[in-house]
Amino acid sequence: MEGIAVVERAKVAISLGESHFREFKSSVDGCPGEKIKRATKDIATNITNACSVCERRQ
């Protein structure tokens, strides 16, 4: 990820405030230079689990 994208993401996260929960899911896994594509089902499971955590907090 380029430095400018990180800066923009940080600005957006700060502007949303503490009450807004954001979590980024990656479609690749592994060490730098050895990334492999993750299974779509695994990514969907991660997103579902993150959403259920948010619902319990409310």
PDB file of N, CA and C in Angstrom:
ATOM      1  N   MET A   1       0.856  -1.174   0.000  1.00  0.00           N
ATOM      2  CA  MET A   1       0.000   0.000   0.000  1.00  0.00           C
ATOM      3  C   MET A   1       0.897   1.229   0.000  1.00  0.00           C
ATOM      4  N   GLU A   2       0.546   2.173  -0.812  1.00  0.00           N
ATOM      5  CA  GLU A   2       1.339   3.386  -0.898  1.00  0.00           C
ATOM      6  C   GLU A   2       1.118   4.268   0.327  1.00  0.00           C
ATOM      7  N   GLY A   3       2.119   5.075   0.636  1.00  0.00           N
ATOM      8  CA  GLY A   3       2.054   5.957   1.794  1.00  0.00           C
ATOM      9  C   GLY A   3       0.858   6.890   1.756  1.00  0.00           C
ATOM     10  N   ILE A   4       0.525   7.405   0.597  1.00  0.00           N
ATOM     11  CA  ILE A   4      -0.593   8.350   0.490  1.00  0.00           C
ATOM     12  C   ILE A   4      -1.911   7.676   0.857  1.00  0.00           C
ATOM     13  N   ALA A   5      -2.076   6.403   0.493  1.00  0.00           N
ATOM     14  CA  ALA A   5      -3.304   5.686   0.838  1.00  0.00           C
ATOM     15  C   ALA A   5      -3.421   5.511   2.347  1.00  0.00           C
ATOM     16  N   VAL A   6      -2.309   5.261   3.002  1.00  0.00           N
ATOM     17  CA  VAL A   6      -2.316   5.102   4.461  1.00  0.00           C
ATOM     18  C   VAL A   6      -2.706   6.413   5.127  1.00  0.00           C
ATOM     19  N   VAL A   7      -2.165   7.503   4.638  1.00  0.00           N
ATOM     20  CA  VAL A   7      -2.489   8.825   5.187  1.00  0.00           C
ATOM     21  C   VAL A   7      -3.970   9.112   5.006  1.00  0.00           C
ATOM     22  N   GLU A   8      -4.508   8.839   3.832  1.00  0.00           N
ATOM     23  CA  GLU A   8      -5.935   9.077   3.581  1.00  0.00           C
ATOM     24  C   GLU A   8      -6.802   8.211   4.483  1.00  0.00           C
ATOM     25  N   ARG A   9      -6.434   6.959   4.653  1.00  0.00           N
ATOM     26  CA  ARG A   9      -7.210   6.074   5.533  1.00  0.00           C
ATOM     27  C   ARG A   9      -7.187   6.581   6.967  1.00  0.00           C
ATOM     28  N   ALA A  10      -6.048   7.057   7.412  1.00  0.00           N
ATOM     29  CA  ALA A  10      -5.934   7.583   8.776  1.00  0.00           C
ATOM     30  C   ALA A  10      -6.829   8.803   8.946  1.00  0.00           C
ATOM     31  N   LYS A  11      -6.831   9.696   7.957  1.00  0.00           N
ATOM     32  CA  LYS A  11      -7.678  10.895   8.029  1.00  0.00           C
ATOM     33  C   LYS A  11      -9.155  10.524   8.104  1.00  0.00           C
ATOM     34  N   VAL A  12      -9.567   9.555   7.301  1.00  0.00           N
ATOM     35  CA  VAL A  12     -10.970   9.124   7.316  1.00  0.00           C
ATOM     36  C   VAL A  12     -11.318   8.507   8.666  1.00  0.00           C
ATOM     37  N   ALA A  13     -10.448   7.651   9.178  1.00  0.00           N
ATOM     38  CA  ALA A  13     -10.702   7.000  10.470  1.00  0.00           C
ATOM     39  C   ALA A  13     -10.835   8.033  11.587  1.00  0.00           C
ATOM     40  N   ILE A  14      -9.969   9.039  11.578  1.00  0.00           N
ATOM     41  CA  ILE A  14     -10.020  10.086  12.597  1.00  0.00           C
ATOM     42  C   ILE A  14     -11.300  10.893  12.466  1.00  0.00           C
ATOM     43  N   SER A  15     -11.699  11.211  11.235  1.00  0.00           N
ATOM     44  CA  SER A  15     -12.900  12.027  11.033  1.00  0.00           C
ATOM     45  C   SER A  15     -14.174  11.292  11.445  1.00  0.00           C
ATOM     46  N   LEU A  16     -14.167   9.954  11.376  1.00  0.00           N
ATOM     47  CA  LEU A  16     -15.352   9.186  11.756  1.00  0.00           C
ATOM     48  C   LEU A  16     -15.526   9.125  13.266  1.00  0.00           C
ATOM     49  N   GLY A  17     -14.468   9.278  14.003  1.00  0.00           N
ATOM     50  CA  GLY A  17     -14.559   9.294  15.463  1.00  0.00           C
ATOM     51  C   GLY A  17     -14.480   7.916  16.088  1.00  0.00           C
ATOM     52  N   GLU A  18     -14.414   7.902  17.402  1.00  0.00           N
ATOM     53  CA  GLU A  18     -14.239   6.658  18.148  1.00  0.00           C
ATOM     54  C   GLU A  18     -15.443   5.738  18.081  1.00  0.00           C
ATOM     55  N   SER A  19     -16.627   6.284  17.875  1.00  0.00           N
ATOM     56  CA  SER A  19     -17.818   5.453  17.907  1.00  0.00           C
ATOM     57  C   SER A  19     -18.004   4.631  16.635  1.00  0.00           C
ATOM     58  N   HIS A  20     -17.210   4.917  15.617  1.00  0.00           N
ATOM     59  CA  HIS A  20     -17.362   4.184  14.361  1.00  0.00           C
ATOM     60  C   HIS A  20     -16.316   3.086  14.274  1.00  0.00           C
ATOM     61  N   PHE A  21     -16.779   1.867  14.088  1.00  0.00           N
ATOM     62  CA  PHE A  21     -15.890   0.706  14.035  1.00  0.00           C
ATOM     63  C   PHE A  21     -15.568   0.382  12.586  1.00  0.00           C
ATOM     64  N   ARG A  22     -14.282   0.305  12.254  1.00  0.00           N
ATOM     65  CA  ARG A  22     -13.867  -0.084  10.908  1.00  0.00           C
ATOM     66  C   ARG A  22     -12.805  -1.164  11.025  1.00  0.00           C
ATOM     67  N   GLU A  23     -12.934  -2.153  10.207  1.00  0.00           N
ATOM     68  CA  GLU A  23     -11.930  -3.198  10.170  1.00  0.00           C
ATOM     69  C   GLU A  23     -11.715  -3.580   8.713  1.00  0.00           C
ATOM     70  N   PHE A  24     -10.468  -3.662   8.321  1.00  0.00           N
ATOM     71  CA  PHE A  24     -10.143  -3.978   6.941  1.00  0.00           C
ATOM     72  C   PHE A  24      -9.802  -5.456   6.823  1.00  0.00           C
ATOM     73  N   LYS A  25     -10.384  -6.105   5.854  1.00  0.00           N
ATOM     74  CA  LYS A  25     -10.120  -7.523   5.605  1.00  0.00           C
ATOM     75  C   LYS A  25      -9.257  -7.637   4.360  1.00  0.00           C
ATOM     76  N   SER A  26      -8.286  -8.520   4.406  1.00  0.00           N
ATOM     77  CA  SER A  26      -7.392  -8.717   3.278  1.00  0.00           C
ATOM     78  C   SER A  26      -7.785  -9.974   2.518  1.00  0.00           C
ATOM     79  N   SER A  27      -7.652  -9.913   1.205  1.00  0.00           N
ATOM     80  CA  SER A  27      -7.959 -11.078   0.381  1.00  0.00           C
ATOM     81  C   SER A  27      -6.716 -11.927   0.130  1.00  0.00           C
ATOM     82  N   VAL A  28      -5.585 -11.514   0.725  1.00  0.00           N
ATOM     83  CA  VAL A  28      -4.350 -12.289   0.581  1.00  0.00           C
ATOM     84  C   VAL A  28      -3.779 -12.588   1.964  1.00  0.00           C
ATOM     85  N   ASP A  29      -2.980 -13.634   2.030  1.00  0.00           N
ATOM     86  CA  ASP A  29      -2.395 -14.044   3.298  1.00  0.00           C
ATOM     87  C   ASP A  29      -0.956 -14.488   3.042  1.00  0.00           C
ATOM     88  N   GLY A  30      -0.115 -14.336   4.030  1.00  0.00           N
ATOM     89  CA  GLY A  30       1.257 -14.805   3.910  1.00  0.00           C
ATOM     90  C   GLY A  30       2.269 -13.691   4.111  1.00  0.00           C
ATOM     91  N   CYS A  31       3.528 -14.072   4.066  1.00  0.00           N
ATOM     92  CA  CYS A  31       4.631 -13.135   4.251  1.00  0.00           C
ATOM     93  C   CYS A  31       4.794 -12.258   3.011  1.00  0.00           C
ATOM     94  N   PRO A  32       5.390 -11.077   3.179  1.00  0.00           N
ATOM     95  CA  PRO A  32       5.645 -10.221   2.019  1.00  0.00           C
ATOM     96  C   PRO A  32       6.437 -10.987   0.949  1.00  0.00           C
ATOM     97  N   GLY A  33       5.995 -10.865  -0.272  1.00  0.00           N
ATOM     98  CA  GLY A  33       6.647 -11.552  -1.370  1.00  0.00           C
ATOM     99  C   GLY A  33       6.176 -12.991  -1.564  1.00  0.00           C
ATOM    100  N   GLU A  34       5.378 -13.476  -0.619  1.00  0.00           N
ATOM    101  CA  GLU A  34       4.878 -14.861  -0.694  1.00  0.00           C
ATOM    102  C   GLU A  34       3.369 -14.902  -0.467  1.00  0.00           C
ATOM    103  N   LYS A  35       2.683 -13.841  -0.836  1.00  0.00           N
ATOM    104  CA  LYS A  35       1.238 -13.754  -0.598  1.00  0.00           C
ATOM    105  C   LYS A  35       0.482 -14.750  -1.464  1.00  0.00           C
ATOM    106  N   ILE A  36      -0.542 -15.362  -0.858  1.00  0.00           N
ATOM    107  CA  ILE A  36      -1.430 -16.252  -1.593  1.00  0.00           C
ATOM    108  C   ILE A  36      -2.865 -15.772  -1.395  1.00  0.00           C
ATOM    109  N   LYS A  37      -3.702 -16.026  -2.375  1.00  0.00           N
ATOM    110  CA  LYS A  37      -5.097 -15.606  -2.323  1.00  0.00           C
ATOM    111  C   LYS A  37      -5.850 -16.426  -1.276  1.00  0.00           C
ATOM    112  N   ARG A  38      -6.645 -15.725  -0.454  1.00  0.00           N
ATOM    113  CA  ARG A  38      -7.459 -16.410   0.556  1.00  0.00           C
ATOM    114  C   ARG A  38      -8.770 -16.880  -0.054  1.00  0.00           C
ATOM    115  N   ALA A  39      -9.333 -17.903   0.521  1.00  0.00           N
ATOM    116  CA  ALA A  39     -10.634 -18.416   0.069  1.00  0.00           C
ATOM    117  C   ALA A  39     -11.713 -17.383   0.376  1.00  0.00           C
ATOM    118  N   THR A  40     -12.605 -17.175  -0.577  1.00  0.00           N
ATOM    119  CA  THR A  40     -13.693 -16.202  -0.410  1.00  0.00           C
ATOM    120  C   THR A  40     -14.530 -16.528   0.821  1.00  0.00           C
ATOM    121  N   LYS A  41     -14.765 -17.791   1.081  1.00  0.00           N
ATOM    122  CA  LYS A  41     -15.567 -18.203   2.237  1.00  0.00           C
ATOM    123  C   LYS A  41     -14.897 -17.780   3.544  1.00  0.00           C
ATOM    124  N   ASP A  42     -13.573 -17.874   3.616  1.00  0.00           N
ATOM    125  CA  ASP A  42     -12.851 -17.448   4.818  1.00  0.00           C
ATOM    126  C   ASP A  42     -12.989 -15.940   5.047  1.00  0.00           C
ATOM    127  N   ILE A  43     -12.911 -15.166   3.980  1.00  0.00           N
ATOM    128  CA  ILE A  43     -13.060 -13.710   4.091  1.00  0.00           C
ATOM    129  C   ILE A  43     -14.475 -13.378   4.559  1.00  0.00           C
ATOM    130  N   ALA A  44     -15.475 -14.036   3.971  1.00  0.00           N
ATOM    131  CA  ALA A  44     -16.866 -13.797   4.359  1.00  0.00           C
ATOM    132  C   ALA A  44     -17.092 -14.141   5.825  1.00  0.00           C
ATOM    133  N   THR A  45     -16.473 -15.220   6.295  1.00  0.00           N
ATOM    134  CA  THR A  45     -16.588 -15.609   7.702  1.00  0.00           C
ATOM    135  C   THR A  45     -15.988 -14.535   8.610  1.00  0.00           C
ATOM    136  N   ASN A  46     -14.827 -13.990   8.236  1.00  0.00           N
ATOM    137  CA  ASN A  46     -14.206 -12.916   9.019  1.00  0.00           C
ATOM    138  C   ASN A  46     -15.115 -11.704   9.097  1.00  0.00           C
ATOM    139  N   ILE A  47     -15.728 -11.326   7.985  1.00  0.00           N
ATOM    140  CA  ILE A  47     -16.612 -10.158   7.956  1.00  0.00           C
ATOM    141  C   ILE A  47     -17.842 -10.408   8.814  1.00  0.00           C
ATOM    142  N   THR A  48     -18.415 -11.591   8.710  1.00  0.00           N
ATOM    143  CA  THR A  48     -19.589 -11.938   9.516  1.00  0.00           C
ATOM    144  C   THR A  48     -19.265 -11.876  10.998  1.00  0.00           C
ATOM    145  N   ASN A  49     -18.118 -12.409  11.381  1.00  0.00           N
ATOM    146  CA  ASN A  49     -17.714 -12.387  12.790  1.00  0.00           C
ATOM    147  C   ASN A  49     -17.505 -10.961  13.272  1.00  0.00           C
ATOM    148  N   ALA A  50     -16.915 -10.102  12.459  1.00  0.00           N
ATOM    149  CA  ALA A  50     -16.702  -8.701  12.843  1.00  0.00           C
ATOM    150  C   ALA A  50     -18.038  -7.994  13.006  1.00  0.00           C
ATOM    151  N   CYS A  51     -18.996  -8.276  12.119  1.00  0.00           N
ATOM    152  CA  CYS A  51     -20.311  -7.633  12.198  1.00  0.00           C
ATOM    153  C   CYS A  51     -21.062  -8.070  13.450  1.00  0.00           C
ATOM    154  N   SER A  52     -20.959  -9.334  13.818  1.00  0.00           N
ATOM    155  CA  SER A  52     -21.659  -9.805  15.006  1.00  0.00           C
ATOM    156  C   SER A  52     -21.066  -9.194  16.269  1.00  0.00           C
ATOM    157  N   VAL A  53     -19.777  -8.905  16.283  1.00  0.00           N
ATOM    158  CA  VAL A  53     -19.132  -8.243  17.418  1.00  0.00           C
ATOM    159  C   VAL A  53     -19.686  -6.826  17.535  1.00  0.00           C
ATOM    160  N   CYS A  54     -19.840  -6.127  16.399  1.00  0.00           N
ATOM    161  CA  CYS A  54     -20.377  -4.768  16.396  1.00  0.00           C
ATOM    162  C   CYS A  54     -21.801  -4.746  16.932  1.00  0.00           C
ATOM    163  N   GLU A  55     -22.603  -5.710  16.513  1.00  0.00           N
ATOM    164  CA  GLU A  55     -23.993  -5.753  16.961  1.00  0.00           C
ATOM    165  C   GLU A  55     -24.082  -5.981  18.461  1.00  0.00           C
ATOM    166  N   ARG A  56     -23.196  -6.777  19.032  1.00  0.00           N
ATOM    167  CA  ARG A  56     -23.225  -7.035  20.475  1.00  0.00           C
ATOM    168  C   ARG A  56     -22.822  -5.789  21.262  1.00  0.00           C
ATOM    169  N   ARG A  57     -21.994  -4.926  20.665  1.00  0.00           N
ATOM    170  CA  ARG A  57     -21.536  -3.719  21.347  1.00  0.00           C
ATOM    171  C   ARG A  57     -22.636  -2.665  21.441  1.00  0.00           C
ATOM    172  N   GLN A  58     -23.597  -2.725  20.534  1.00  0.00           N
ATOM    173  CA  GLN A  58     -24.636  -1.675  20.487  1.00  0.00           C
ATOM    174  C   GLN A  58     -25.698  -1.873  21.497  1.00  0.00           C
TER     175      GLN A  58
END
